[in-house]
Amino acid sequence: MSKIPSMSPSWDTSSFGHPADISLRERSALGDHLAHCGAQRGPLQTLRNGADELQGLLAGRVITSAVVLTLLFGGSWLML
């Protein structure tokens, strides 16, 4: 006879039955780490984040973006 598996999810955590909250010491260490990593990235990361945001904005409006870019390039070409 085969055993029917339980339908409830089964997994183990490292909290061992205690609430899985982050301690103040861990939160402080994480904040320090993120500040240190952010300082190392510098302006190049800011530029990349801006490019990602612009790409996300344009990707949602492909047709509108194509029309606007065509009008801008066409208008600048006519002004020459």
N, C-alpha and C. Protein backbone atom coordinates (compact mmCIF):
# COMPACT_ATOMS: atom_id res chain seq x y z
N MET A 1 0.83 -1.17 0.00
CA MET A 1 0.00 0.00 0.00
C MET A 1 0.88 1.25 0.00
N SER A 2 0.49 2.25 -0.79
CA SER A 2 1.29 3.48 -0.86
C SER A 2 0.76 4.50 0.14
N LYS A 3 1.67 5.33 0.58
CA LYS A 3 1.31 6.38 1.53
C LYS A 3 0.89 7.62 0.75
N ILE A 4 -0.23 8.23 1.12
CA ILE A 4 -0.71 9.44 0.46
C ILE A 4 -0.01 10.64 1.10
N PRO A 5 0.71 11.45 0.29
CA PRO A 5 1.42 12.60 0.86
C PRO A 5 0.44 13.68 1.33
N SER A 6 0.86 14.39 2.34
CA SER A 6 0.05 15.48 2.87
C SER A 6 0.03 16.64 1.88
N MET A 7 -1.08 17.32 1.78
CA MET A 7 -1.21 18.45 0.86
C MET A 7 -0.67 19.75 1.46
N SER A 8 -0.40 19.77 2.75
CA SER A 8 0.11 20.99 3.36
C SER A 8 1.59 21.15 3.04
N PRO A 9 2.06 22.39 2.88
CA PRO A 9 3.48 22.60 2.56
C PRO A 9 4.36 22.18 3.73
N SER A 10 5.54 21.75 3.43
CA SER A 10 6.47 21.31 4.46
C SER A 10 7.85 21.90 4.16
N TRP A 11 8.39 22.65 5.09
CA TRP A 11 9.73 23.20 4.94
C TRP A 11 10.31 23.47 6.33
N ASP A 12 11.60 23.62 6.39
CA ASP A 12 12.30 23.91 7.64
C ASP A 12 12.85 25.31 7.57
N THR A 13 12.85 25.99 8.69
CA THR A 13 13.43 27.32 8.77
C THR A 13 14.50 27.34 9.85
N SER A 14 15.26 28.39 9.88
CA SER A 14 16.29 28.51 10.90
C SER A 14 15.79 29.21 12.15
N SER A 15 14.52 29.52 12.23
CA SER A 15 14.00 30.21 13.41
C SER A 15 13.67 29.24 14.54
N PHE A 16 13.61 27.92 14.25
CA PHE A 16 13.39 26.89 15.26
C PHE A 16 12.18 27.17 16.14
N GLY A 17 11.07 27.53 15.52
CA GLY A 17 9.84 27.73 16.26
C GLY A 17 9.66 29.12 16.83
N HIS A 18 10.67 29.96 16.76
CA HIS A 18 10.56 31.33 17.26
C HIS A 18 10.14 32.25 16.12
N PRO A 19 9.65 33.44 16.43
CA PRO A 19 9.31 34.38 15.35
C PRO A 19 10.54 34.69 14.50
N ALA A 20 10.36 34.77 13.21
CA ALA A 20 11.48 35.00 12.29
C ALA A 20 11.71 36.49 12.08
N ASP A 21 11.82 37.23 13.15
CA ASP A 21 12.08 38.67 13.07
C ASP A 21 13.58 38.92 13.04
N ILE A 22 13.96 40.05 12.47
CA ILE A 22 15.36 40.43 12.42
C ILE A 22 15.70 41.17 13.72
N SER A 23 16.86 40.87 14.28
CA SER A 23 17.27 41.52 15.52
C SER A 23 17.79 42.92 15.21
N LEU A 24 17.89 43.74 16.24
CA LEU A 24 18.41 45.10 16.05
C LEU A 24 19.87 45.08 15.60
N ARG A 25 20.64 44.13 16.11
CA ARG A 25 22.04 44.03 15.73
C ARG A 25 22.16 43.64 14.25
N GLU A 26 21.33 42.69 13.81
CA GLU A 26 21.35 42.30 12.40
C GLU A 26 20.90 43.43 11.50
N ARG A 27 19.88 44.16 11.93
CA ARG A 27 19.39 45.29 11.15
C ARG A 27 20.45 46.38 11.03
N SER A 28 21.17 46.63 12.11
CA SER A 28 22.23 47.64 12.09
C SER A 28 23.37 47.21 11.16
N ALA A 29 23.74 45.93 11.24
CA ALA A 29 24.81 45.42 10.37
C ALA A 29 24.39 45.49 8.91
N LEU A 30 23.13 45.16 8.62
CA LEU A 30 22.65 45.23 7.24
C LEU A 30 22.65 46.68 6.75
N GLY A 31 22.22 47.62 7.59
CA GLY A 31 22.24 49.03 7.21
C GLY A 31 23.64 49.52 6.92
N ASP A 32 24.60 49.12 7.77
CA ASP A 32 26.00 49.51 7.54
C ASP A 32 26.52 48.93 6.24
N HIS A 33 26.19 47.68 5.98
CA HIS A 33 26.64 47.03 4.75
C HIS A 33 26.07 47.72 3.52
N LEU A 34 24.77 48.02 3.55
CA LEU A 34 24.14 48.67 2.40
C LEU A 34 24.70 50.08 2.18
N ALA A 35 24.99 50.79 3.26
CA ALA A 35 25.59 52.13 3.12
C ALA A 35 26.98 52.02 2.51
N HIS A 36 27.74 51.02 2.94
CA HIS A 36 29.09 50.83 2.42
C HIS A 36 29.03 50.46 0.93
N CYS A 37 28.14 49.55 0.56
CA CYS A 37 28.00 49.15 -0.84
C CYS A 37 27.53 50.32 -1.71
N GLY A 38 26.61 51.10 -1.19
CA GLY A 38 26.10 52.25 -1.94
C GLY A 38 27.17 53.29 -2.17
N ALA A 39 28.06 53.47 -1.20
CA ALA A 39 29.15 54.45 -1.34
C ALA A 39 30.16 53.99 -2.39
N GLN A 40 30.33 52.68 -2.54
CA GLN A 40 31.30 52.17 -3.51
C GLN A 40 30.77 52.26 -4.94
N ARG A 41 29.48 52.25 -5.11
CA ARG A 41 28.92 52.28 -6.46
C ARG A 41 29.13 53.61 -7.15
N GLY A 42 28.89 54.69 -6.44
CA GLY A 42 29.14 56.01 -6.98
C GLY A 42 28.17 56.45 -8.06
N PRO A 43 28.59 57.44 -8.85
CA PRO A 43 27.70 58.04 -9.84
C PRO A 43 27.36 57.11 -11.01
N LEU A 44 28.20 56.13 -11.28
CA LEU A 44 27.90 55.21 -12.37
C LEU A 44 26.63 54.41 -12.08
N GLN A 45 26.44 54.00 -10.83
CA GLN A 45 25.23 53.28 -10.46
C GLN A 45 24.01 54.19 -10.57
N THR A 46 24.15 55.45 -10.22
CA THR A 46 23.05 56.40 -10.35
C THR A 46 22.66 56.55 -11.81
N LEU A 47 23.64 56.63 -12.68
CA LEU A 47 23.38 56.73 -14.11
C LEU A 47 22.68 55.47 -14.63
N ARG A 48 23.13 54.33 -14.17
CA ARG A 48 22.51 53.07 -14.59
C ARG A 48 21.07 52.98 -14.09
N ASN A 49 20.82 53.38 -12.86
CA ASN A 49 19.46 53.37 -12.33
C ASN A 49 18.54 54.28 -13.14
N GLY A 50 19.05 55.45 -13.52
CA GLY A 50 18.28 56.37 -14.35
C GLY A 50 17.98 55.77 -15.71
N ALA A 51 18.96 55.11 -16.30
CA ALA A 51 18.74 54.47 -17.61
C ALA A 51 17.73 53.34 -17.50
N ASP A 52 17.77 52.59 -16.41
CA ASP A 52 16.79 51.52 -16.21
C ASP A 52 15.38 52.08 -16.06
N GLU A 53 15.24 53.18 -15.34
CA GLU A 53 13.93 53.81 -15.19
C GLU A 53 13.41 54.34 -16.52
N LEU A 54 14.29 54.96 -17.30
CA LEU A 54 13.90 55.47 -18.61
C LEU A 54 13.49 54.33 -19.53
N GLN A 55 14.22 53.23 -19.49
CA GLN A 55 13.88 52.08 -20.32
C GLN A 55 12.52 51.51 -19.91
N GLY A 56 12.26 51.44 -18.61
CA GLY A 56 10.97 50.95 -18.14
C GLY A 56 9.83 51.85 -18.57
N LEU A 57 10.06 53.14 -18.54
CA LEU A 57 9.04 54.09 -18.97
C LEU A 57 8.77 53.97 -20.46
N LEU A 58 9.83 53.87 -21.26
CA LEU A 58 9.67 53.78 -22.70
C LEU A 58 9.13 52.42 -23.15
N ALA A 59 9.49 51.36 -22.45
CA ALA A 59 9.04 50.02 -22.85
C ALA A 59 7.53 49.89 -22.73
N GLY A 60 6.93 50.57 -21.78
CA GLY A 60 5.49 50.50 -21.61
C GLY A 60 4.73 51.31 -22.64
N ARG A 61 5.41 52.16 -23.32
CA ARG A 61 4.77 53.04 -24.30
C ARG A 61 5.57 53.03 -25.60
N VAL A 62 5.68 51.87 -26.20
CA VAL A 62 6.55 51.69 -27.37
C VAL A 62 6.09 52.55 -28.54
N ILE A 63 4.82 52.50 -28.87
CA ILE A 63 4.31 53.24 -30.03
C ILE A 63 4.42 54.74 -29.79
N THR A 64 4.00 55.19 -28.63
CA THR A 64 4.07 56.63 -28.31
C THR A 64 5.52 57.10 -28.33
N SER A 65 6.42 56.30 -27.77
CA SER A 65 7.84 56.67 -27.76
C SER A 65 8.39 56.76 -29.18
N ALA A 66 8.01 55.82 -30.04
CA ALA A 66 8.49 55.84 -31.43
C ALA A 66 7.98 57.08 -32.15
N VAL A 67 6.74 57.45 -31.94
CA VAL A 67 6.17 58.64 -32.59
C VAL A 67 6.87 59.90 -32.09
N VAL A 68 7.06 59.99 -30.78
CA VAL A 68 7.71 61.19 -30.21
C VAL A 68 9.15 61.30 -30.71
N LEU A 69 9.89 60.19 -30.72
CA LEU A 69 11.27 60.24 -31.21
C LEU A 69 11.32 60.58 -32.70
N THR A 70 10.39 60.06 -33.47
CA THR A 70 10.34 60.39 -34.90
C THR A 70 10.06 61.87 -35.10
N LEU A 71 9.14 62.42 -34.33
CA LEU A 71 8.84 63.85 -34.44
C LEU A 71 10.03 64.71 -34.02
N LEU A 72 10.71 64.29 -32.95
CA LEU A 72 11.88 65.06 -32.51
C LEU A 72 12.99 65.04 -33.55
N PHE A 73 13.32 63.85 -34.06
CA PHE A 73 14.37 63.76 -35.07
C PHE A 73 13.96 64.44 -36.37
N GLY A 74 12.71 64.25 -36.77
CA GLY A 74 12.23 64.90 -37.99
C GLY A 74 12.22 66.41 -37.88
N GLY A 75 11.79 66.90 -36.72
CA GLY A 75 11.78 68.35 -36.51
C GLY A 75 13.18 68.94 -36.47
N SER A 76 14.10 68.24 -35.84
CA SER A 76 15.47 68.75 -35.80
C SER A 76 16.11 68.69 -37.19
N TRP A 77 15.77 67.68 -37.99
CA TRP A 77 16.30 67.59 -39.34
C TRP A 77 15.76 68.72 -40.23
N LEU A 78 14.47 69.06 -40.05
CA LEU A 78 13.88 70.13 -40.83
C LEU A 78 14.44 71.50 -40.46
N MET A 79 14.87 71.65 -39.19
CA MET A 79 15.42 72.93 -38.75
C MET A 79 16.82 73.16 -39.31
N LEU A 80 17.49 72.09 -39.74
CA LEU A 80 18.83 72.26 -40.31
C LEU A 80 18.68 72.75 -41.69
